[in-house]
Amino acid sequence: MQQERVRGGDNLVFSSSQEAAHFRESVETKIVDEHIPGAQRRREVLAEELAKKFEEHGVGVSSLHRPWEHSQEEHAEVQELVNTAFATDLRDALRKAENSPSFPRNIDLFHDVLTGELYAAVLGQRLNTVHFSVWRIALLATPVLLLVVAIILFAYSI
């Protein structure tokens, strides 16, 4: 009997925790390296990286600009696909999506909804924390250290 995975657990929507860790690291590195401000842009980075994973499974996606153009049935079907992705993995969810009568129309909506839920899961795992490198800390600490030294020298010169 297969144990159901926890949404936002170690594997996220991937078949292994290593693949999920690589995905998290890839997103986090891109955010840090590009000095990306704002939650919206961070979500876009996650969406871009998730789109790459879709493409690895042979399914292309594009940005969804008007999700309201999909029917309630399509939204319900896509939510089931998202649930499948978290319960098993992305590959199973994409297989189900491809077998749907709504395919390929459902893929962009699936990508959009999964991006939102994955973003929430990743935020829960503190992806969005600020990571300072040693050189940044040194760069920020240097003026403070110089100020302290100047004050000490001034105090002893009086």
N, C-alpha and C. Protein backbone atom coordinates (compact mmCIF):
# COMPACT_ATOMS: atom_id res chain seq x y z
N MET A 1 0.84 -1.18 0.00
CA MET A 1 0.00 0.00 0.00
C MET A 1 0.89 1.24 0.00
N GLN A 2 0.61 2.15 -0.95
CA GLN A 2 1.42 3.37 -1.06
C GLN A 2 0.94 4.39 -0.05
N GLN A 3 1.90 4.96 0.66
CA GLN A 3 1.57 5.97 1.66
C GLN A 3 1.39 7.31 0.96
N GLU A 4 0.32 8.03 1.29
CA GLU A 4 0.08 9.34 0.70
C GLU A 4 1.08 10.34 1.25
N ARG A 5 1.62 11.13 0.34
CA ARG A 5 2.62 12.11 0.73
C ARG A 5 1.95 13.36 1.28
N VAL A 6 2.70 14.06 2.10
CA VAL A 6 2.22 15.30 2.69
C VAL A 6 2.44 16.43 1.70
N ARG A 7 1.41 17.23 1.46
CA ARG A 7 1.54 18.38 0.56
C ARG A 7 2.59 19.32 1.14
N GLY A 8 3.56 19.66 0.31
CA GLY A 8 4.64 20.52 0.77
C GLY A 8 5.72 19.76 1.53
N GLY A 9 5.64 18.42 1.50
CA GLY A 9 6.66 17.61 2.16
C GLY A 9 7.97 17.64 1.39
N ASP A 10 8.88 16.77 1.77
CA ASP A 10 10.21 16.77 1.16
C ASP A 10 10.20 16.61 -0.35
N ASN A 11 9.28 15.80 -0.87
CA ASN A 11 9.27 15.52 -2.31
C ASN A 11 8.54 16.57 -3.13
N LEU A 12 7.75 17.42 -2.50
CA LEU A 12 6.89 18.37 -3.21
C LEU A 12 6.08 17.61 -4.24
N VAL A 13 6.32 17.84 -5.54
CA VAL A 13 5.57 17.13 -6.59
C VAL A 13 6.50 16.23 -7.40
N PHE A 14 7.66 15.91 -6.84
CA PHE A 14 8.66 15.15 -7.57
C PHE A 14 8.75 13.73 -7.04
N SER A 15 9.36 12.85 -7.82
CA SER A 15 9.40 11.44 -7.44
C SER A 15 10.42 11.16 -6.34
N SER A 16 11.34 12.08 -6.10
CA SER A 16 12.31 11.87 -5.03
C SER A 16 12.60 13.17 -4.30
N SER A 17 13.07 13.03 -3.08
CA SER A 17 13.42 14.23 -2.32
C SER A 17 14.65 14.91 -2.91
N GLN A 18 15.52 14.13 -3.58
CA GLN A 18 16.69 14.72 -4.23
C GLN A 18 16.27 15.63 -5.39
N GLU A 19 15.31 15.17 -6.18
CA GLU A 19 14.81 15.98 -7.29
C GLU A 19 14.14 17.25 -6.77
N ALA A 20 13.38 17.12 -5.68
CA ALA A 20 12.73 18.29 -5.08
C ALA A 20 13.77 19.26 -4.53
N ALA A 21 14.81 18.72 -3.89
CA ALA A 21 15.87 19.58 -3.35
C ALA A 21 16.59 20.31 -4.47
N HIS A 22 16.83 19.61 -5.57
CA HIS A 22 17.48 20.25 -6.72
C HIS A 22 16.60 21.37 -7.28
N PHE A 23 15.29 21.13 -7.34
CA PHE A 23 14.35 22.14 -7.82
C PHE A 23 14.37 23.37 -6.91
N ARG A 24 14.27 23.13 -5.59
CA ARG A 24 14.32 24.24 -4.62
C ARG A 24 15.61 25.04 -4.77
N GLU A 25 16.72 24.32 -4.86
CA GLU A 25 18.02 24.96 -4.98
C GLU A 25 18.12 25.78 -6.27
N SER A 26 17.59 25.24 -7.34
CA SER A 26 17.62 25.94 -8.63
C SER A 26 16.84 27.25 -8.56
N VAL A 27 15.65 27.20 -7.97
CA VAL A 27 14.81 28.40 -7.83
C VAL A 27 15.50 29.40 -6.91
N GLU A 28 15.96 28.91 -5.78
CA GLU A 28 16.59 29.79 -4.79
C GLU A 28 17.84 30.46 -5.36
N THR A 29 18.66 29.71 -6.06
CA THR A 29 19.87 30.26 -6.66
C THR A 29 19.53 31.34 -7.67
N LYS A 30 18.54 31.08 -8.49
CA LYS A 30 18.15 32.08 -9.49
C LYS A 30 17.65 33.35 -8.82
N ILE A 31 16.87 33.21 -7.76
CA ILE A 31 16.36 34.38 -7.04
C ILE A 31 17.51 35.18 -6.43
N VAL A 32 18.43 34.48 -5.78
CA VAL A 32 19.55 35.16 -5.12
C VAL A 32 20.51 35.77 -6.14
N ASP A 33 20.87 35.00 -7.17
CA ASP A 33 21.83 35.49 -8.16
C ASP A 33 21.32 36.67 -8.95
N GLU A 34 20.02 36.69 -9.22
CA GLU A 34 19.46 37.78 -10.02
C GLU A 34 18.95 38.92 -9.15
N HIS A 35 19.13 38.82 -7.84
CA HIS A 35 18.69 39.87 -6.91
C HIS A 35 17.23 40.23 -7.20
N ILE A 36 16.38 39.23 -7.23
CA ILE A 36 15.00 39.42 -7.63
C ILE A 36 14.16 39.91 -6.45
N PRO A 37 13.64 41.13 -6.54
CA PRO A 37 12.77 41.64 -5.47
C PRO A 37 11.31 41.28 -5.75
N GLY A 38 10.54 41.22 -4.71
CA GLY A 38 9.09 41.08 -4.85
C GLY A 38 8.61 39.65 -5.00
N ALA A 39 7.47 39.40 -4.37
CA ALA A 39 6.88 38.06 -4.39
C ALA A 39 6.41 37.67 -5.78
N GLN A 40 5.88 38.62 -6.55
CA GLN A 40 5.37 38.30 -7.88
C GLN A 40 6.49 37.78 -8.78
N ARG A 41 7.63 38.43 -8.75
CA ARG A 41 8.75 37.98 -9.59
C ARG A 41 9.29 36.64 -9.10
N ARG A 42 9.30 36.42 -7.81
CA ARG A 42 9.74 35.13 -7.28
C ARG A 42 8.81 34.02 -7.74
N ARG A 43 7.52 34.33 -7.78
CA ARG A 43 6.54 33.35 -8.28
C ARG A 43 6.80 33.07 -9.75
N GLU A 44 7.16 34.09 -10.52
CA GLU A 44 7.46 33.91 -11.94
C GLU A 44 8.69 33.03 -12.12
N VAL A 45 9.69 33.20 -11.28
CA VAL A 45 10.89 32.35 -11.35
C VAL A 45 10.50 30.91 -11.09
N LEU A 46 9.69 30.68 -10.06
CA LEU A 46 9.24 29.34 -9.76
C LEU A 46 8.45 28.78 -10.94
N ALA A 47 7.59 29.59 -11.55
CA ALA A 47 6.79 29.16 -12.70
C ALA A 47 7.70 28.76 -13.87
N GLU A 48 8.76 29.53 -14.10
CA GLU A 48 9.70 29.23 -15.18
C GLU A 48 10.41 27.90 -14.93
N GLU A 49 10.84 27.68 -13.70
CA GLU A 49 11.53 26.44 -13.37
C GLU A 49 10.57 25.25 -13.45
N LEU A 50 9.33 25.44 -13.04
CA LEU A 50 8.33 24.38 -13.14
C LEU A 50 8.03 24.08 -14.60
N ALA A 51 7.98 25.10 -15.44
CA ALA A 51 7.76 24.90 -16.88
C ALA A 51 8.86 24.02 -17.47
N LYS A 52 10.09 24.20 -16.99
CA LYS A 52 11.20 23.35 -17.45
C LYS A 52 10.94 21.89 -17.09
N LYS A 53 10.39 21.67 -15.90
CA LYS A 53 10.08 20.29 -15.47
C LYS A 53 8.97 19.70 -16.35
N PHE A 54 7.97 20.50 -16.70
CA PHE A 54 6.92 20.04 -17.61
C PHE A 54 7.57 19.63 -18.94
N GLU A 55 8.47 20.47 -19.45
CA GLU A 55 9.12 20.20 -20.73
C GLU A 55 9.98 18.94 -20.67
N GLU A 56 10.59 18.67 -19.52
CA GLU A 56 11.36 17.43 -19.36
C GLU A 56 10.47 16.21 -19.55
N HIS A 57 9.18 16.36 -19.25
CA HIS A 57 8.22 15.28 -19.42
C HIS A 57 7.50 15.38 -20.77
N GLY A 58 7.99 16.25 -21.64
CA GLY A 58 7.44 16.34 -22.99
C GLY A 58 6.19 17.18 -23.13
N VAL A 59 5.90 18.03 -22.15
CA VAL A 59 4.70 18.85 -22.20
C VAL A 59 5.11 20.32 -22.09
N GLY A 60 4.81 21.08 -23.14
CA GLY A 60 5.13 22.51 -23.13
C GLY A 60 4.01 23.31 -22.49
N VAL A 61 4.35 24.42 -21.88
CA VAL A 61 3.35 25.30 -21.28
C VAL A 61 3.64 26.74 -21.67
N SER A 62 2.62 27.55 -21.55
CA SER A 62 2.79 28.99 -21.74
C SER A 62 2.10 29.69 -20.58
N SER A 63 2.39 30.96 -20.42
CA SER A 63 1.78 31.72 -19.33
C SER A 63 0.28 31.83 -19.53
N LEU A 64 -0.43 31.69 -18.45
CA LEU A 64 -1.89 31.79 -18.50
C LEU A 64 -2.27 33.19 -18.08
N HIS A 65 -2.87 33.93 -18.99
CA HIS A 65 -3.20 35.33 -18.71
C HIS A 65 -4.65 35.52 -18.28
N ARG A 66 -5.52 34.56 -18.63
CA ARG A 66 -6.94 34.70 -18.29
C ARG A 66 -7.50 33.36 -17.80
N PRO A 67 -7.20 32.99 -16.54
CA PRO A 67 -7.69 31.69 -16.05
C PRO A 67 -9.20 31.62 -15.98
N TRP A 68 -9.87 32.76 -15.94
CA TRP A 68 -11.33 32.75 -15.85
C TRP A 68 -11.99 32.26 -17.14
N GLU A 69 -11.23 32.09 -18.21
CA GLU A 69 -11.80 31.59 -19.45
C GLU A 69 -12.01 30.08 -19.42
N HIS A 70 -11.58 29.45 -18.35
CA HIS A 70 -11.79 28.01 -18.20
C HIS A 70 -13.06 27.77 -17.41
N SER A 71 -13.72 26.66 -17.73
CA SER A 71 -14.99 26.34 -17.06
C SER A 71 -14.73 25.84 -15.63
N GLN A 72 -15.80 25.79 -14.86
CA GLN A 72 -15.70 25.25 -13.49
C GLN A 72 -15.24 23.80 -13.53
N GLU A 73 -15.71 23.05 -14.53
CA GLU A 73 -15.31 21.65 -14.66
C GLU A 73 -13.81 21.54 -14.92
N GLU A 74 -13.30 22.43 -15.76
CA GLU A 74 -11.86 22.42 -16.04
C GLU A 74 -11.06 22.78 -14.79
N HIS A 75 -11.54 23.74 -14.04
CA HIS A 75 -10.86 24.10 -12.79
C HIS A 75 -10.88 22.93 -11.81
N ALA A 76 -12.02 22.23 -11.71
CA ALA A 76 -12.12 21.08 -10.82
C ALA A 76 -11.17 19.97 -11.27
N GLU A 77 -11.12 19.73 -12.57
CA GLU A 77 -10.22 18.71 -13.11
C GLU A 77 -8.76 19.07 -12.82
N VAL A 78 -8.42 20.32 -13.00
CA VAL A 78 -7.05 20.76 -12.76
C VAL A 78 -6.70 20.65 -11.28
N GLN A 79 -7.65 20.94 -10.39
CA GLN A 79 -7.38 20.78 -8.96
C GLN A 79 -7.10 19.32 -8.63
N GLU A 80 -7.80 18.41 -9.30
CA GLU A 80 -7.52 16.98 -9.12
C GLU A 80 -6.11 16.63 -9.61
N LEU A 81 -5.70 17.26 -10.71
CA LEU A 81 -4.35 17.03 -11.23
C LEU A 81 -3.30 17.54 -10.23
N VAL A 82 -3.56 18.69 -9.63
CA VAL A 82 -2.65 19.24 -8.62
C VAL A 82 -2.59 18.29 -7.43
N ASN A 83 -3.74 17.80 -6.99
CA ASN A 83 -3.77 16.85 -5.88
C ASN A 83 -2.97 15.60 -6.21
N THR A 84 -3.10 15.12 -7.46
CA THR A 84 -2.34 13.95 -7.90
C THR A 84 -0.84 14.24 -7.88
N ALA A 85 -0.45 15.42 -8.34
CA ALA A 85 0.97 15.78 -8.36
C ALA A 85 1.55 15.75 -6.96
N PHE A 86 0.82 16.28 -5.99
CA PHE A 86 1.32 16.27 -4.62
C PHE A 86 1.23 14.88 -3.98
N ALA A 87 0.20 14.11 -4.34
CA ALA A 87 0.02 12.78 -3.74
C ALA A 87 1.00 11.76 -4.31
N THR A 88 1.26 11.83 -5.61
CA THR A 88 2.20 10.88 -6.22
C THR A 88 3.40 11.64 -6.76
N ASP A 89 3.29 12.16 -7.99
CA ASP A 89 4.34 13.02 -8.53
C ASP A 89 3.86 13.71 -9.80
N LEU A 90 4.68 14.59 -10.30
CA LEU A 90 4.33 15.39 -11.46
C LEU A 90 4.10 14.52 -12.69
N ARG A 91 4.90 13.48 -12.86
CA ARG A 91 4.77 12.60 -14.03
C ARG A 91 3.37 11.98 -14.08
N ASP A 92 2.87 11.47 -12.96
CA ASP A 92 1.52 10.88 -12.93
C ASP A 92 0.46 11.91 -13.27
N ALA A 93 0.60 13.10 -12.71
CA ALA A 93 -0.38 14.16 -12.98
C ALA A 93 -0.38 14.54 -14.46
N LEU A 94 0.81 14.62 -15.06
CA LEU A 94 0.89 14.96 -16.48
C LEU A 94 0.30 13.85 -17.35
N ARG A 95 0.49 12.60 -16.95
CA ARG A 95 -0.13 11.49 -17.69
C ARG A 95 -1.65 11.62 -17.67
N LYS A 96 -2.19 11.91 -16.49
CA LYS A 96 -3.65 12.08 -16.38
C LYS A 96 -4.11 13.27 -17.22
N ALA A 97 -3.34 14.34 -17.20
CA ALA A 97 -3.71 15.53 -17.97
C ALA A 97 -3.73 15.21 -19.47
N GLU A 98 -2.75 14.45 -19.94
CA GLU A 98 -2.67 14.11 -21.36
C GLU A 98 -3.81 13.19 -21.78
N ASN A 99 -4.35 12.40 -20.86
CA ASN A 99 -5.46 11.49 -21.17
C ASN A 99 -6.82 12.16 -21.04
N SER A 100 -6.83 13.39 -20.61
CA SER A 100 -8.08 14.12 -20.42
C SER A 100 -8.64 14.60 -21.76
N PRO A 101 -9.97 14.65 -21.87
CA PRO A 101 -10.56 15.24 -23.08
C PRO A 101 -10.25 16.74 -23.19
N SER A 102 -9.84 17.37 -22.11
CA SER A 102 -9.51 18.80 -22.12
C SER A 102 -8.08 19.08 -22.58
N PHE A 103 -7.30 18.03 -22.81
CA PHE A 103 -5.91 18.22 -23.23
C PHE A 103 -5.87 18.77 -24.64
N PRO A 104 -5.04 19.72 -24.96
CA PRO A 104 -3.97 20.37 -24.21
C PRO A 104 -4.42 21.64 -23.48
N ARG A 105 -5.70 21.98 -23.60
CA ARG A 105 -6.20 23.21 -23.00
C ARG A 105 -5.95 23.25 -21.49
N ASN A 106 -5.98 22.10 -20.84
CA ASN A 106 -5.86 22.04 -19.39
C ASN A 106 -4.43 22.25 -18.88
N ILE A 107 -3.43 22.12 -19.74
CA ILE A 107 -2.04 22.15 -19.29
C ILE A 107 -1.63 23.51 -18.73
N ASP A 108 -1.97 24.58 -19.44
CA ASP A 108 -1.57 25.90 -18.95
C ASP A 108 -2.25 26.24 -17.63
N LEU A 109 -3.52 25.87 -17.50
CA LEU A 109 -4.22 26.09 -16.23
C LEU A 109 -3.60 25.23 -15.13
N PHE A 110 -3.29 23.98 -15.45
CA PHE A 110 -2.63 23.09 -14.48
C PHE A 110 -1.30 23.70 -14.02
N HIS A 111 -0.51 24.18 -14.96
CA HIS A 111 0.77 24.80 -14.62
C HIS A 111 0.55 26.01 -13.71
N ASP A 112 -0.43 26.83 -14.02
CA ASP A 112 -0.70 28.04 -13.23
C ASP A 112 -1.13 27.69 -11.81
N VAL A 113 -2.07 26.77 -11.68
CA VAL A 113 -2.57 26.40 -10.34
C VAL A 113 -1.47 25.68 -9.55
N LEU A 114 -0.74 24.79 -10.21
CA LEU A 114 0.34 24.08 -9.52
C LEU A 114 1.44 25.04 -9.09
N THR A 115 1.73 26.03 -9.91
CA THR A 115 2.73 27.04 -9.53
C THR A 115 2.30 27.74 -8.24
N GLY A 116 1.04 28.14 -8.16
CA GLY A 116 0.54 28.81 -6.96
C GLY A 116 0.64 27.94 -5.73
N GLU A 117 0.23 26.69 -5.84
CA GLU A 117 0.26 25.81 -4.67
C GLU A 117 1.69 25.39 -4.32
N LEU A 118 2.52 25.21 -5.33
CA LEU A 118 3.91 24.86 -5.08
C LEU A 118 4.64 26.04 -4.45
N TYR A 119 4.32 27.24 -4.89
CA TYR A 119 4.92 28.45 -4.31
C TYR A 119 4.57 28.53 -2.83
N ALA A 120 3.30 28.26 -2.50
CA ALA A 120 2.88 28.28 -1.09
C ALA A 120 3.62 27.20 -0.30
N ALA A 121 3.78 26.02 -0.90
CA ALA A 121 4.48 24.93 -0.21
C ALA A 121 5.95 25.26 -0.01
N VAL A 122 6.57 25.84 -1.03
CA VAL A 122 7.98 26.18 -0.94
C VAL A 122 8.20 27.31 0.06
N LEU A 123 7.28 28.29 0.06
CA LEU A 123 7.38 29.36 1.06
C LEU A 123 7.30 28.80 2.46
N GLY A 124 6.47 27.78 2.63
CA GLY A 124 6.36 27.12 3.93
C GLY A 124 7.66 26.47 4.34
N GLN A 125 8.50 26.17 3.35
CA GLN A 125 9.80 25.57 3.63
C GLN A 125 10.90 26.62 3.61
N ARG A 126 10.49 27.89 3.67
CA ARG A 126 11.39 29.03 3.83
C ARG A 126 12.33 29.24 2.65
N LEU A 127 11.84 28.97 1.43
CA LEU A 127 12.65 29.26 0.24
C LEU A 127 12.91 30.75 0.13
N ASN A 128 11.95 31.55 0.52
CA ASN A 128 12.02 32.99 0.29
C ASN A 128 12.84 33.74 1.33
N THR A 129 13.56 33.04 2.17
CA THR A 129 14.39 33.74 3.14
C THR A 129 15.56 34.38 2.43
N VAL A 130 16.07 35.44 3.00
CA VAL A 130 17.20 36.13 2.39
C VAL A 130 18.48 35.42 2.81
N HIS A 131 19.31 35.14 1.84
CA HIS A 131 20.58 34.48 2.10
C HIS A 131 21.71 35.45 1.78
N PHE A 132 22.51 35.77 2.78
CA PHE A 132 23.63 36.67 2.57
C PHE A 132 24.89 35.85 2.41
N SER A 133 25.68 36.17 1.44
CA SER A 133 26.97 35.52 1.28
C SER A 133 27.96 36.22 2.21
N VAL A 134 29.09 35.59 2.43
CA VAL A 134 30.11 36.12 3.34
C VAL A 134 30.59 37.49 2.86
N TRP A 135 30.79 37.65 1.57
CA TRP A 135 31.30 38.93 1.07
C TRP A 135 30.29 40.05 1.27
N ARG A 136 28.99 39.74 1.19
CA ARG A 136 27.97 40.77 1.43
C ARG A 136 27.98 41.20 2.89
N ILE A 137 28.10 40.24 3.77
CA ILE A 137 28.15 40.56 5.20
C ILE A 137 29.38 41.40 5.49
N ALA A 138 30.52 41.02 4.92
CA ALA A 138 31.75 41.79 5.11
C ALA A 138 31.60 43.19 4.55
N LEU A 139 30.98 43.31 3.40
CA LEU A 139 30.77 44.61 2.77
C LEU A 139 29.89 45.50 3.63
N LEU A 140 28.86 44.92 4.22
CA LEU A 140 27.96 45.69 5.09
C LEU A 140 28.62 46.02 6.43
N ALA A 141 29.46 45.12 6.93
CA ALA A 141 30.08 45.32 8.24
C ALA A 141 31.26 46.28 8.20
N THR A 142 31.90 46.43 7.06
CA THR A 142 33.09 47.28 6.95
C THR A 142 32.84 48.72 7.38
N PRO A 143 31.81 49.41 6.87
CA PRO A 143 31.59 50.79 7.32
C PRO A 143 31.32 50.90 8.82
N VAL A 144 30.59 49.94 9.35
CA VAL A 144 30.30 49.95 10.79
C VAL A 144 31.59 49.79 11.58
N LEU A 145 32.42 48.87 11.15
CA LEU A 145 33.70 48.63 11.82
C LEU A 145 34.60 49.87 11.73
N LEU A 146 34.65 50.50 10.58
CA LEU A 146 35.45 51.72 10.42
C LEU A 146 34.94 52.84 11.32
N LEU A 147 33.63 52.96 11.45
CA LEU A 147 33.04 53.97 12.32
C LEU A 147 33.42 53.71 13.77
N VAL A 148 33.35 52.47 14.20
CA VAL A 148 33.71 52.12 15.58
C VAL A 148 35.19 52.44 15.83
N VAL A 149 36.06 52.09 14.90
CA VAL A 149 37.49 52.38 15.04
C VAL A 149 37.72 53.89 15.11
N ALA A 150 37.04 54.65 14.26
CA ALA A 150 37.19 56.12 14.27
C ALA A 150 36.75 56.70 15.60
N ILE A 151 35.65 56.22 16.15
CA ILE A 151 35.16 56.71 17.45
C ILE A 151 36.16 56.39 18.54
N ILE A 152 36.70 55.19 18.53
CA ILE A 152 37.69 54.80 19.55
C ILE A 152 38.94 55.66 19.44
N LEU A 153 39.44 55.86 18.23
CA LEU A 153 40.63 56.70 18.03
C LEU A 153 40.36 58.13 18.46
N PHE A 154 39.21 58.65 18.15
CA PHE A 154 38.84 60.00 18.55
C PHE A 154 38.77 60.12 20.07
N ALA A 155 38.17 59.12 20.71
CA ALA A 155 38.02 59.14 22.16
C ALA A 155 39.39 59.11 22.85
N TYR A 156 40.35 58.35 22.34
CA TYR A 156 41.67 58.27 22.95
C TYR A 156 42.55 59.47 22.60
N SER A 157 42.23 60.20 21.56
CA SER A 157 43.05 61.35 21.18
C SER A 157 42.70 62.59 21.99
N ILE A 158 41.60 62.57 22.69
CA ILE A 158 41.18 63.73 23.48
C ILE A 158 41.89 63.78 24.79
